[in-house]
Amino acid sequence: MLNNVNLEALGNYVEVITNKPAEAIAALGITATWKGGVNTEITTHSKKIGSAFVEKQFKYQIGEPAELLGDNLNPNPQDYILGGLAGCMMVGFVVGATSKGIKLDSVNLTIVGNLDLRGFLEVDPNVSVGFEELQFNFEVTGSGTEEEYAAIAEHVRKVSPGYRTIAEPVKISINKSLNAVI
């Protein structure tokens, strides 16, 4: 098994979802719980992937640096956004390289961007609230060529759900039946 990736299992799954498109739908979710100050605990929901129910819940903490009233003990929300994007892109890169028969020795992905906090803090209405640009760079050693790695990275941009979710507009709606406890 090259790069510890089971391409046969992936091929079998692709065959299943090709024949039964409903099996390709993954239902995901989280619950965020305020833990005081600017701290949040995230609990992932169990997942449904096609007709399979995946019973797993993970918990992780989100905080802020001192400059934003936190204690800097946990990553902030943007760290998790970039980390989720990187994790998704990494999977796509490694599977893409493996499918081309490329043995990987190491892969590092760096993603950087500037966030102007004047937008978030409403200091300047002309400043964007989110990242205006993210730059990423794969550093790879293995049996492939620079051209192969560049083509794989470009393919990742096309098929990574994490990348596409950030790069393309996503409809976000709020449940209008919020429960208020008074």
C-alpha atoms as a PDB file:
ATOM      1  CA  MET A   1       0.000   0.000   0.000  1.00  0.00           C
ATOM      2  CA  LEU A   2       1.721   3.152  -1.236  1.00  0.00           C
ATOM      3  CA  ASN A   3       1.869   6.123   1.194  1.00  0.00           C
ATOM      4  CA  ASN A   4      -0.417   4.214   3.567  1.00  0.00           C
ATOM      5  CA  VAL A   5      -3.364   4.975   1.244  1.00  0.00           C
ATOM      6  CA  ASN A   6      -5.761   2.172   0.308  1.00  0.00           C
ATOM      7  CA  LEU A   7      -6.584   3.035  -3.303  1.00  0.00           C
ATOM      8  CA  GLU A   8      -8.515  -0.203  -3.751  1.00  0.00           C
ATOM      9  CA  ALA A   9     -10.945   0.761  -0.972  1.00  0.00           C
ATOM     10  CA  LEU A  10     -11.276   4.238  -2.484  1.00  0.00           C
ATOM     11  CA  GLY A  11     -11.986   2.728  -5.905  1.00  0.00           C
ATOM     12  CA  ASN A  12     -14.648   0.490  -4.376  1.00  0.00           C
ATOM     13  CA  TYR A  13     -16.294   3.480  -2.703  1.00  0.00           C
ATOM     14  CA  VAL A  14     -16.232   5.471  -5.957  1.00  0.00           C
ATOM     15  CA  GLU A  15     -17.977   2.549  -7.661  1.00  0.00           C
ATOM     16  CA  VAL A  16     -20.649   2.489  -4.935  1.00  0.00           C
ATOM     17  CA  ILE A  17     -21.412   6.211  -5.195  1.00  0.00           C
ATOM     18  CA  THR A  18     -21.353   6.074  -8.978  1.00  0.00           C
ATOM     19  CA  ASN A  19     -24.090   3.427  -8.912  1.00  0.00           C
ATOM     20  CA  LYS A  20     -25.965   4.866  -5.899  1.00  0.00           C
ATOM     21  CA  PRO A  21     -25.531   8.672  -5.740  1.00  0.00           C
ATOM     22  CA  ALA A  22     -27.383   8.897  -2.393  1.00  0.00           C
ATOM     23  CA  GLU A  23     -24.463   7.020  -0.814  1.00  0.00           C
ATOM     24  CA  ALA A  24     -22.229  10.016  -1.631  1.00  0.00           C
ATOM     25  CA  ILE A  25     -24.056  12.426   0.680  1.00  0.00           C
ATOM     26  CA  ALA A  26     -22.221  13.159   3.924  1.00  0.00           C
ATOM     27  CA  ALA A  27     -24.167  14.917   6.696  1.00  0.00           C
ATOM     28  CA  LEU A  28     -21.874  16.804   9.080  1.00  0.00           C
ATOM     29  CA  GLY A  29     -22.392  19.198  11.956  1.00  0.00           C
ATOM     30  CA  ILE A  30     -21.063  20.690  15.157  1.00  0.00           C
ATOM     31  CA  THR A  31     -22.419  22.261  18.315  1.00  0.00           C
ATOM     32  CA  ALA A  32     -20.611  25.229  19.836  1.00  0.00           C
ATOM     33  CA  THR A  33     -20.939  25.880  23.563  1.00  0.00           C
ATOM     34  CA  TRP A  34     -19.862  29.138  25.146  1.00  0.00           C
ATOM     35  CA  LYS A  35     -17.407  28.498  27.991  1.00  0.00           C
ATOM     36  CA  GLY A  36     -17.134  32.053  29.327  1.00  0.00           C
ATOM     37  CA  GLY A  37     -15.232  35.051  28.071  1.00  0.00           C
ATOM     38  CA  VAL A  38     -14.142  34.451  24.488  1.00  0.00           C
ATOM     39  CA  ASN A  39     -13.835  30.677  24.874  1.00  0.00           C
ATOM     40  CA  THR A  40     -15.890  28.113  22.976  1.00  0.00           C
ATOM     41  CA  GLU A  41     -16.055  24.333  23.104  1.00  0.00           C
ATOM     42  CA  ILE A  42     -16.884  22.571  19.851  1.00  0.00           C
ATOM     43  CA  THR A  43     -18.469  19.125  19.809  1.00  0.00           C
ATOM     44  CA  THR A  44     -18.671  17.384  16.468  1.00  0.00           C
ATOM     45  CA  HIS A  45     -21.851  15.516  15.657  1.00  0.00           C
ATOM     46  CA  SER A  46     -21.866  11.894  14.632  1.00  0.00           C
ATOM     47  CA  LYS A  47     -21.841  11.695  10.854  1.00  0.00           C
ATOM     48  CA  LYS A  48     -24.017  10.061   8.287  1.00  0.00           C
ATOM     49  CA  ILE A  49     -22.178   9.069   5.131  1.00  0.00           C
ATOM     50  CA  GLY A  50     -24.681   7.655   2.688  1.00  0.00           C
ATOM     51  CA  SER A  51     -26.615   5.042   4.630  1.00  0.00           C
ATOM     52  CA  ALA A  52     -23.780   4.515   7.151  1.00  0.00           C
ATOM     53  CA  PHE A  53     -23.976   6.166  10.560  1.00  0.00           C
ATOM     54  CA  VAL A  54     -20.546   6.998  11.963  1.00  0.00           C
ATOM     55  CA  GLU A  55     -20.810   7.333  15.739  1.00  0.00           C
ATOM     56  CA  LYS A  56     -17.979   9.642  16.741  1.00  0.00           C
ATOM     57  CA  GLN A  57     -17.871  12.852  18.632  1.00  0.00           C
ATOM     58  CA  PHE A  58     -14.798  14.960  19.170  1.00  0.00           C
ATOM     59  CA  LYS A  59     -14.399  17.985  21.390  1.00  0.00           C
ATOM     60  CA  TYR A  60     -11.979  20.832  20.936  1.00  0.00           C
ATOM     61  CA  GLN A  61     -11.505  24.283  22.386  1.00  0.00           C
ATOM     62  CA  ILE A  62     -11.390  27.646  20.635  1.00  0.00           C
ATOM     63  CA  GLY A  63      -9.959  30.764  22.248  1.00  0.00           C
ATOM     64  CA  GLU A  64      -8.391  34.063  21.337  1.00  0.00           C
ATOM     65  CA  PRO A  65      -5.058  35.808  21.912  1.00  0.00           C
ATOM     66  CA  ALA A  66      -4.747  38.394  24.692  1.00  0.00           C
ATOM     67  CA  GLU A  67      -5.207  41.218  22.180  1.00  0.00           C
ATOM     68  CA  LEU A  68      -8.750  39.933  21.580  1.00  0.00           C
ATOM     69  CA  LEU A  69      -9.559  39.360  25.273  1.00  0.00           C
ATOM     70  CA  GLY A  70      -8.387  35.752  25.407  1.00  0.00           C
ATOM     71  CA  ASP A  71      -5.724  33.833  27.293  1.00  0.00           C
ATOM     72  CA  ASN A  72      -3.998  32.414  24.186  1.00  0.00           C
ATOM     73  CA  LEU A  73      -4.388  28.837  25.473  1.00  0.00           C
ATOM     74  CA  ASN A  74      -6.223  27.521  22.394  1.00  0.00           C
ATOM     75  CA  PRO A  75      -6.205  28.160  18.653  1.00  0.00           C
ATOM     76  CA  ASN A  76      -8.554  30.888  17.485  1.00  0.00           C
ATOM     77  CA  PRO A  77     -11.384  30.349  14.955  1.00  0.00           C
ATOM     78  CA  GLN A  78      -9.225  31.392  12.011  1.00  0.00           C
ATOM     79  CA  ASP A  79      -6.547  28.870  13.005  1.00  0.00           C
ATOM     80  CA  TYR A  80      -9.200  26.150  12.779  1.00  0.00           C
ATOM     81  CA  ILE A  81     -10.487  27.450   9.438  1.00  0.00           C
ATOM     82  CA  LEU A  82      -6.970  27.358   7.981  1.00  0.00           C
ATOM     83  CA  GLY A  83      -6.268  23.999   9.647  1.00  0.00           C
ATOM     84  CA  GLY A  84      -9.459  22.462   8.259  1.00  0.00           C
ATOM     85  CA  LEU A  85      -8.625  23.787   4.803  1.00  0.00           C
ATOM     86  CA  ALA A  86      -5.079  22.401   5.055  1.00  0.00           C
ATOM     87  CA  GLY A  87      -6.267  19.003   6.290  1.00  0.00           C
ATOM     88  CA  CYS A  88      -8.693  18.652   3.401  1.00  0.00           C
ATOM     89  CA  MET A  89      -6.131  19.793   0.831  1.00  0.00           C
ATOM     90  CA  MET A  90      -3.491  17.461   2.308  1.00  0.00           C
ATOM     91  CA  VAL A  91      -5.762  14.429   1.921  1.00  0.00           C
ATOM     92  CA  GLY A  92      -6.435  15.384  -1.698  1.00  0.00           C
ATOM     93  CA  PHE A  93      -2.741  15.904  -2.415  1.00  0.00           C
ATOM     94  CA  VAL A  94      -1.590  12.624  -0.862  1.00  0.00           C
ATOM     95  CA  VAL A  95      -4.334  10.573  -2.523  1.00  0.00           C
ATOM     96  CA  GLY A  96      -3.671  12.333  -5.841  1.00  0.00           C
ATOM     97  CA  ALA A  97       0.053  11.583  -5.657  1.00  0.00           C
ATOM     98  CA  THR A  98      -0.609   8.000  -4.603  1.00  0.00           C
ATOM     99  CA  SER A  99      -3.014   7.463  -7.511  1.00  0.00           C
ATOM    100  CA  LYS A 100      -0.159   8.484  -9.845  1.00  0.00           C
ATOM    101  CA  GLY A 101       2.206   5.982  -8.202  1.00  0.00           C
ATOM    102  CA  ILE A 102       4.314   8.671  -6.543  1.00  0.00           C
ATOM    103  CA  LYS A 103       6.031   7.668  -3.297  1.00  0.00           C
ATOM    104  CA  LEU A 104       5.967  10.531  -0.824  1.00  0.00           C
ATOM    105  CA  ASP A 105       8.685  11.011   1.801  1.00  0.00           C
ATOM    106  CA  SER A 106       7.284  14.224   3.290  1.00  0.00           C
ATOM    107  CA  VAL A 107       4.578  16.762   2.539  1.00  0.00           C
ATOM    108  CA  ASN A 108       4.149  20.101   4.300  1.00  0.00           C
ATOM    109  CA  LEU A 109       1.424  22.566   3.425  1.00  0.00           C
ATOM    110  CA  THR A 110       1.664  26.167   4.569  1.00  0.00           C
ATOM    111  CA  ILE A 111      -1.341  28.485   4.315  1.00  0.00           C
ATOM    112  CA  VAL A 112      -1.006  32.158   5.250  1.00  0.00           C
ATOM    113  CA  GLY A 113      -3.193  35.225   5.030  1.00  0.00           C
ATOM    114  CA  ASN A 114      -3.677  38.615   6.618  1.00  0.00           C
ATOM    115  CA  LEU A 115      -6.818  39.493   8.519  1.00  0.00           C
ATOM    116  CA  ASP A 116      -7.391  43.212   9.116  1.00  0.00           C
ATOM    117  CA  LEU A 117      -9.120  43.313  12.501  1.00  0.00           C
ATOM    118  CA  ARG A 118     -10.444  46.839  11.857  1.00  0.00           C
ATOM    119  CA  GLY A 119     -13.232  45.196   9.838  1.00  0.00           C
ATOM    120  CA  PHE A 120     -14.191  42.716  12.583  1.00  0.00           C
ATOM    121  CA  LEU A 121     -14.033  45.423  15.263  1.00  0.00           C
ATOM    122  CA  GLU A 122     -16.007  47.880  13.062  1.00  0.00           C
ATOM    123  CA  VAL A 123     -13.276  50.505  13.215  1.00  0.00           C
ATOM    124  CA  ASP A 124     -13.375  51.079   9.450  1.00  0.00           C
ATOM    125  CA  PRO A 125     -16.454  50.145   7.372  1.00  0.00           C
ATOM    126  CA  ASN A 126     -14.288  50.029   4.230  1.00  0.00           C
ATOM    127  CA  VAL A 127     -12.140  47.163   5.554  1.00  0.00           C
ATOM    128  CA  SER A 128     -13.084  43.575   4.739  1.00  0.00           C
ATOM    129  CA  VAL A 129     -14.124  41.491   7.740  1.00  0.00           C
ATOM    130  CA  GLY A 130     -12.562  38.265   6.432  1.00  0.00           C
ATOM    131  CA  PHE A 131      -9.381  37.235   4.700  1.00  0.00           C
ATOM    132  CA  GLU A 132      -9.022  38.919   1.327  1.00  0.00           C
ATOM    133  CA  GLU A 133      -6.397  36.431   0.131  1.00  0.00           C
ATOM    134  CA  LEU A 134      -4.947  33.143   1.284  1.00  0.00           C
ATOM    135  CA  GLN A 135      -1.682  31.826  -0.114  1.00  0.00           C
ATOM    136  CA  PHE A 136      -0.716  28.180   0.053  1.00  0.00           C
ATOM    137  CA  ASN A 137       2.472  26.295  -0.660  1.00  0.00           C
ATOM    138  CA  PHE A 138       3.143  22.570  -0.726  1.00  0.00           C
ATOM    139  CA  GLU A 139       6.693  21.478   0.109  1.00  0.00           C
ATOM    140  CA  VAL A 140       7.092  17.905  -1.085  1.00  0.00           C
ATOM    141  CA  THR A 141       9.850  15.332  -1.225  1.00  0.00           C
ATOM    142  CA  GLY A 142       9.299  12.038  -2.943  1.00  0.00           C
ATOM    143  CA  SER A 143       9.645  10.249  -6.251  1.00  0.00           C
ATOM    144  CA  GLY A 144       7.604  12.801  -8.236  1.00  0.00           C
ATOM    145  CA  THR A 145       8.724  15.820 -10.223  1.00  0.00           C
ATOM    146  CA  GLU A 146       7.975  19.482  -9.522  1.00  0.00           C
ATOM    147  CA  GLU A 147       5.639  19.452 -12.532  1.00  0.00           C
ATOM    148  CA  GLU A 148       3.724  16.462 -11.165  1.00  0.00           C
ATOM    149  CA  TYR A 149       3.419  18.070  -7.735  1.00  0.00           C
ATOM    150  CA  ALA A 150       2.202  21.347  -9.284  1.00  0.00           C
ATOM    151  CA  ALA A 151      -0.434  19.472 -11.328  1.00  0.00           C
ATOM    152  CA  ILE A 152      -1.606  17.587  -8.233  1.00  0.00           C
ATOM    153  CA  ALA A 153      -1.856  20.841  -6.240  1.00  0.00           C
ATOM    154  CA  GLU A 154      -3.880  22.414  -9.046  1.00  0.00           C
ATOM    155  CA  HIS A 155      -6.178  19.374  -9.107  1.00  0.00           C
ATOM    156  CA  VAL A 156      -6.643  19.689  -5.326  1.00  0.00           C
ATOM    157  CA  ARG A 157      -7.944  23.231  -5.882  1.00  0.00           C
ATOM    158  CA  LYS A 158     -10.649  21.768  -8.126  1.00  0.00           C
ATOM    159  CA  VAL A 159     -11.796  18.844  -5.955  1.00  0.00           C
ATOM    160  CA  SER A 160     -11.090  19.730  -2.299  1.00  0.00           C
ATOM    161  CA  PRO A 161     -14.393  20.347  -0.465  1.00  0.00           C
ATOM    162  CA  GLY A 162     -12.542  22.525   2.054  1.00  0.00           C
ATOM    163  CA  TYR A 163     -10.951  24.627  -0.681  1.00  0.00           C
ATOM    164  CA  ARG A 164     -14.170  24.963  -2.693  1.00  0.00           C
ATOM    165  CA  THR A 165     -16.185  25.862   0.428  1.00  0.00           C
ATOM    166  CA  ILE A 166     -13.861  28.786   1.119  1.00  0.00           C
ATOM    167  CA  ALA A 167     -13.220  29.805  -2.501  1.00  0.00           C
ATOM    168  CA  GLU A 168     -16.873  29.788  -3.626  1.00  0.00           C
ATOM    169  CA  PRO A 169     -19.923  31.420  -2.054  1.00  0.00           C
ATOM    170  CA  VAL A 170     -21.805  29.076   0.272  1.00  0.00           C
ATOM    171  CA  LYS A 171     -25.413  29.647   1.267  1.00  0.00           C
ATOM    172  CA  ILE A 172     -25.523  30.095   5.037  1.00  0.00           C
ATOM    173  CA  SER A 173     -28.882  30.396   6.738  1.00  0.00           C
ATOM    174  CA  ILE A 174     -29.928  30.925  10.329  1.00  0.00           C
ATOM    175  CA  ASN A 175     -32.674  28.889  11.946  1.00  0.00           C
ATOM    176  CA  LYS A 176     -35.371  31.469  12.591  1.00  0.00           C
ATOM    177  CA  SER A 177     -36.850  29.483  15.473  1.00  0.00           C
ATOM    178  CA  LEU A 178     -34.062  30.235  17.926  1.00  0.00           C
ATOM    179  CA  ASN A 179     -34.972  29.378  21.485  1.00  0.00           C
ATOM    180  CA  ALA A 180     -34.419  32.091  24.044  1.00  0.00           C
ATOM    181  CA  VAL A 181     -34.452  31.198  27.714  1.00  0.00           C
ATOM    182  CA  ILE A 182     -35.391  34.198  29.843  1.00  0.00           C
END
